Amino acid sequence: MGTENVFHEVKRGPKTIEYDMFRFDQFVHLIVEWVRRKLKAKLNVKCFR
């Protein structure tokens, strides 16, 4: 349904694809930050070891 419009936008050109990837990177970054807040010190300990 709504996903068809997204696929048509991606096929237009590389600029749209780069923009979609940028939005995806932001989305992943938000998830990583949320996980860090939930785990807090536990994640930091794993990174340092």
PDB file of N, CA and C in Angstrom:
ATOM      1  N   MET A   1       0.837  -1.198   0.000  1.00  0.00           N
ATOM      2  CA  MET A   1       0.000   0.000   0.000  1.00  0.00           C
ATOM      3  C   MET A   1       0.874   1.252   0.000  1.00  0.00           C
ATOM      4  N   GLY A   2       1.293   1.682   1.185  1.00  0.00           N
ATOM      5  CA  GLY A   2       2.102   2.886   1.281  1.00  0.00           C
ATOM      6  C   GLY A   2       3.546   2.664   0.883  1.00  0.00           C
ATOM      7  N   THR A   3       3.996   1.428   0.940  1.00  0.00           N
ATOM      8  CA  THR A   3       5.398   1.141   0.616  1.00  0.00           C
ATOM      9  C   THR A   3       5.686   1.318  -0.869  1.00  0.00           C
ATOM     10  N   GLU A   4       4.693   1.204  -1.721  1.00  0.00           N
ATOM     11  CA  GLU A   4       4.908   1.351  -3.161  1.00  0.00           C
ATOM     12  C   GLU A   4       5.445   2.743  -3.494  1.00  0.00           C
ATOM     13  N   ASN A   5       4.930   3.766  -2.841  1.00  0.00           N
ATOM     14  CA  ASN A   5       5.391   5.130  -3.094  1.00  0.00           C
ATOM     15  C   ASN A   5       6.861   5.285  -2.700  1.00  0.00           C
ATOM     16  N   VAL A   6       7.269   4.653  -1.633  1.00  0.00           N
ATOM     17  CA  VAL A   6       8.661   4.740  -1.185  1.00  0.00           C
ATOM     18  C   VAL A   6       9.588   4.147  -2.235  1.00  0.00           C
ATOM     19  N   PHE A   7       9.229   2.992  -2.796  1.00  0.00           N
ATOM     20  CA  PHE A   7      10.078   2.347  -3.792  1.00  0.00           C
ATOM     21  C   PHE A   7      10.183   3.201  -5.053  1.00  0.00           C
ATOM     22  N   HIS A   8       9.116   3.861  -5.449  1.00  0.00           N
ATOM     23  CA  HIS A   8       9.161   4.716  -6.637  1.00  0.00           C
ATOM     24  C   HIS A   8      10.097   5.902  -6.398  1.00  0.00           C
ATOM     25  N   GLU A   9      10.096   6.448  -5.181  1.00  0.00           N
ATOM     26  CA  GLU A   9      10.966   7.581  -4.873  1.00  0.00           C
ATOM     27  C   GLU A   9      12.436   7.162  -4.936  1.00  0.00           C
ATOM     28  N   VAL A  10      12.748   5.970  -4.485  1.00  0.00           N
ATOM     29  CA  VAL A  10      14.133   5.495  -4.483  1.00  0.00           C
ATOM     30  C   VAL A  10      14.646   5.341  -5.910  1.00  0.00           C
ATOM     31  N   LYS A  11      13.788   4.940  -6.843  1.00  0.00           N
ATOM     32  CA  LYS A  11      14.208   4.695  -8.226  1.00  0.00           C
ATOM     33  C   LYS A  11      14.483   5.986  -8.998  1.00  0.00           C
ATOM     34  N   ARG A  12      14.059   7.124  -8.479  1.00  0.00           N
ATOM     35  CA  ARG A  12      14.227   8.391  -9.211  1.00  0.00           C
ATOM     36  C   ARG A  12      15.695   8.719  -9.452  1.00  0.00           C
ATOM     37  N   GLY A  13      16.539   8.592  -8.435  1.00  0.00           N
ATOM     38  CA  GLY A  13      17.939   8.942  -8.630  1.00  0.00           C
ATOM     39  C   GLY A  13      18.767   8.707  -7.384  1.00  0.00           C
ATOM     40  N   PRO A  14      20.088   8.849  -7.498  1.00  0.00           N
ATOM     41  CA  PRO A  14      20.992   8.588  -6.377  1.00  0.00           C
ATOM     42  C   PRO A  14      20.795   9.544  -5.208  1.00  0.00           C
ATOM     43  N   LYS A  15      20.356  10.778  -5.481  1.00  0.00           N
ATOM     44  CA  LYS A  15      20.160  11.744  -4.391  1.00  0.00           C
ATOM     45  C   LYS A  15      19.140  11.224  -3.388  1.00  0.00           C
ATOM     46  N   THR A  16      18.051  10.633  -3.881  1.00  0.00           N
ATOM     47  CA  THR A  16      17.015  10.113  -2.993  1.00  0.00           C
ATOM     48  C   THR A  16      17.561   8.948  -2.181  1.00  0.00           C
ATOM     49  N   ILE A  17      18.368   8.107  -2.812  1.00  0.00           N
ATOM     50  CA  ILE A  17      18.943   6.956  -2.115  1.00  0.00           C
ATOM     51  C   ILE A  17      19.883   7.440  -1.011  1.00  0.00           C
ATOM     52  N   GLU A  18      20.716   8.434  -1.310  1.00  0.00           N
ATOM     53  CA  GLU A  18      21.624   8.968  -0.304  1.00  0.00           C
ATOM     54  C   GLU A  18      20.835   9.569   0.849  1.00  0.00           C
ATOM     55  N   TYR A  19      19.736  10.247   0.541  1.00  0.00           N
ATOM     56  CA  TYR A  19      18.909  10.855   1.578  1.00  0.00           C
ATOM     57  C   TYR A  19      18.275   9.775   2.445  1.00  0.00           C
ATOM     58  N   ASP A  20      17.803   8.690   1.812  1.00  0.00           N
ATOM     59  CA  ASP A  20      17.205   7.590   2.563  1.00  0.00           C
ATOM     60  C   ASP A  20      18.249   6.932   3.464  1.00  0.00           C
ATOM     61  N   MET A  21      19.457   6.758   2.974  1.00  0.00           N
ATOM     62  CA  MET A  21      20.520   6.157   3.780  1.00  0.00           C
ATOM     63  C   MET A  21      20.873   7.066   4.947  1.00  0.00           C
ATOM     64  N   PHE A  22      20.875   8.374   4.724  1.00  0.00           N
ATOM     65  CA  PHE A  22      21.160   9.317   5.796  1.00  0.00           C
ATOM     66  C   PHE A  22      20.094   9.210   6.880  1.00  0.00           C
ATOM     67  N   ARG A  23      18.833   9.123   6.470  1.00  0.00           N
ATOM     68  CA  ARG A  23      17.745   8.975   7.432  1.00  0.00           C
ATOM     69  C   ARG A  23      17.881   7.652   8.171  1.00  0.00           C
ATOM     70  N   PHE A  24      18.294   6.596   7.472  1.00  0.00           N
ATOM     71  CA  PHE A  24      18.469   5.283   8.098  1.00  0.00           C
ATOM     72  C   PHE A  24      19.587   5.337   9.133  1.00  0.00           C
ATOM     73  N   ASP A  25      20.686   6.032   8.813  1.00  0.00           N
ATOM     74  CA  ASP A  25      21.792   6.170   9.757  1.00  0.00           C
ATOM     75  C   ASP A  25      21.333   6.904  11.009  1.00  0.00           C
ATOM     76  N   GLN A  26      20.532   7.957  10.834  1.00  0.00           N
ATOM     77  CA  GLN A  26      20.001   8.684  11.987  1.00  0.00           C
ATOM     78  C   GLN A  26      19.132   7.766  12.829  1.00  0.00           C
ATOM     79  N   PHE A  27      18.309   6.946  12.168  1.00  0.00           N
ATOM     80  CA  PHE A  27      17.423   6.021  12.870  1.00  0.00           C
ATOM     81  C   PHE A  27      18.228   5.022  13.695  1.00  0.00           C
ATOM     82  N   VAL A  28      19.287   4.469  13.103  1.00  0.00           N
ATOM     83  CA  VAL A  28      20.146   3.517  13.815  1.00  0.00           C
ATOM     84  C   VAL A  28      20.818   4.211  14.991  1.00  0.00           C
ATOM     85  N   HIS A  29      21.279   5.442  14.793  1.00  0.00           N
ATOM     86  CA  HIS A  29      21.939   6.195  15.857  1.00  0.00           C
ATOM     87  C   HIS A  29      20.998   6.403  17.037  1.00  0.00           C
ATOM     88  N   LEU A  30      19.729   6.723  16.753  1.00  0.00           N
ATOM     89  CA  LEU A  30      18.751   6.912  17.823  1.00  0.00           C
ATOM     90  C   LEU A  30      18.546   5.616  18.599  1.00  0.00           C
ATOM     91  N   ILE A  31      18.516   4.491  17.902  1.00  0.00           N
ATOM     92  CA  ILE A  31      18.348   3.200  18.577  1.00  0.00           C
ATOM     93  C   ILE A  31      19.555   2.908  19.466  1.00  0.00           C
ATOM     94  N   VAL A  32      20.757   3.159  18.944  1.00  0.00           N
ATOM     95  CA  VAL A  32      21.975   2.909  19.719  1.00  0.00           C
ATOM     96  C   VAL A  32      21.989   3.776  20.969  1.00  0.00           C
ATOM     97  N   GLU A  33      21.624   5.044  20.833  1.00  0.00           N
ATOM     98  CA  GLU A  33      21.583   5.938  21.990  1.00  0.00           C
ATOM     99  C   GLU A  33      20.561   5.456  23.012  1.00  0.00           C
ATOM    100  N   TRP A  34      19.403   4.974  22.537  1.00  0.00           N
ATOM    101  CA  TRP A  34      18.365   4.479  23.444  1.00  0.00           C
ATOM    102  C   TRP A  34      18.870   3.261  24.210  1.00  0.00           C
ATOM    103  N   VAL A  35      19.574   2.356  23.503  1.00  0.00           N
ATOM    104  CA  VAL A  35      20.121   1.158  24.148  1.00  0.00           C
ATOM    105  C   VAL A  35      21.168   1.555  25.180  1.00  0.00           C
ATOM    106  N   ARG A  36      22.001   2.526  24.841  1.00  0.00           N
ATOM    107  CA  ARG A  36      23.032   2.980  25.786  1.00  0.00           C
ATOM    108  C   ARG A  36      22.393   3.514  27.058  1.00  0.00           C
ATOM    109  N   ARG A  37      21.308   4.275  26.915  1.00  0.00           N
ATOM    110  CA  ARG A  37      20.634   4.820  28.097  1.00  0.00           C
ATOM    111  C   ARG A  37      20.044   3.704  28.948  1.00  0.00           C
ATOM    112  N   LYS A  38      19.537   2.655  28.310  1.00  0.00           N
ATOM    113  CA  LYS A  38      18.944   1.539  29.054  1.00  0.00           C
ATOM    114  C   LYS A  38      20.017   0.732  29.783  1.00  0.00           C
ATOM    115  N   LEU A  39      21.133   0.476  29.112  1.00  0.00           N
ATOM    116  CA  LEU A  39      22.184  -0.353  29.705  1.00  0.00           C
ATOM    117  C   LEU A  39      23.108   0.460  30.610  1.00  0.00           C
ATOM    118  N   LYS A  40      23.274   1.742  30.282  1.00  0.00           N
ATOM    119  CA  LYS A  40      24.131   2.661  31.040  1.00  0.00           C
ATOM    120  C   LYS A  40      25.540   2.097  31.219  1.00  0.00           C
ATOM    121  N   ALA A  41      25.951   1.823  32.441  1.00  0.00           N
ATOM    122  CA  ALA A  41      27.333   1.448  32.740  1.00  0.00           C
ATOM    123  C   ALA A  41      27.704   0.102  32.135  1.00  0.00           C
ATOM    124  N   LYS A  42      26.756  -0.808  31.986  1.00  0.00           N
ATOM    125  CA  LYS A  42      27.065  -2.145  31.467  1.00  0.00           C
ATOM    126  C   LYS A  42      27.714  -2.063  30.088  1.00  0.00           C
ATOM    127  N   LEU A  43      27.172  -1.221  29.208  1.00  0.00           N
ATOM    128  CA  LEU A  43      27.714  -1.094  27.860  1.00  0.00           C
ATOM    129  C   LEU A  43      29.123  -0.502  27.902  1.00  0.00           C
ATOM    130  N   ASN A  44      29.347   0.474  28.773  1.00  0.00           N
ATOM    131  CA  ASN A  44      30.666   1.099  28.883  1.00  0.00           C
ATOM    132  C   ASN A  44      31.715   0.086  29.327  1.00  0.00           C
ATOM    133  N   VAL A  45      31.372  -0.774  30.259  1.00  0.00           N
ATOM    134  CA  VAL A  45      32.312  -1.786  30.741  1.00  0.00           C
ATOM    135  C   VAL A  45      32.681  -2.732  29.605  1.00  0.00           C
ATOM    136  N   LYS A  46      31.698  -3.148  28.804  1.00  0.00           N
ATOM    137  CA  LYS A  46      31.978  -4.056  27.691  1.00  0.00           C
ATOM    138  C   LYS A  46      32.893  -3.390  26.666  1.00  0.00           C
ATOM    139  N   CYS A  47      32.721  -2.098  26.437  1.00  0.00           N
ATOM    140  CA  CYS A  47      33.533  -1.392  25.445  1.00  0.00           C
ATOM    141  C   CYS A  47      34.984  -1.269  25.907  1.00  0.00           C
ATOM    142  N   PHE A  48      35.205  -1.040  27.185  1.00  0.00           N
ATOM    143  CA  PHE A  48      36.552  -0.841  27.687  1.00  0.00           C
ATOM    144  C   PHE A  48      37.338  -2.145  27.751  1.00  0.00           C
ATOM    145  N   ARG A  49      36.668  -3.275  27.891  1.00  0.00           N
ATOM    146  CA  ARG A  49      37.386  -4.548  28.007  1.00  0.00           C
ATOM    147  C   ARG A  49      37.832  -5.091  26.685  1.00  0.00           C
TER     148      ARG A  49
END
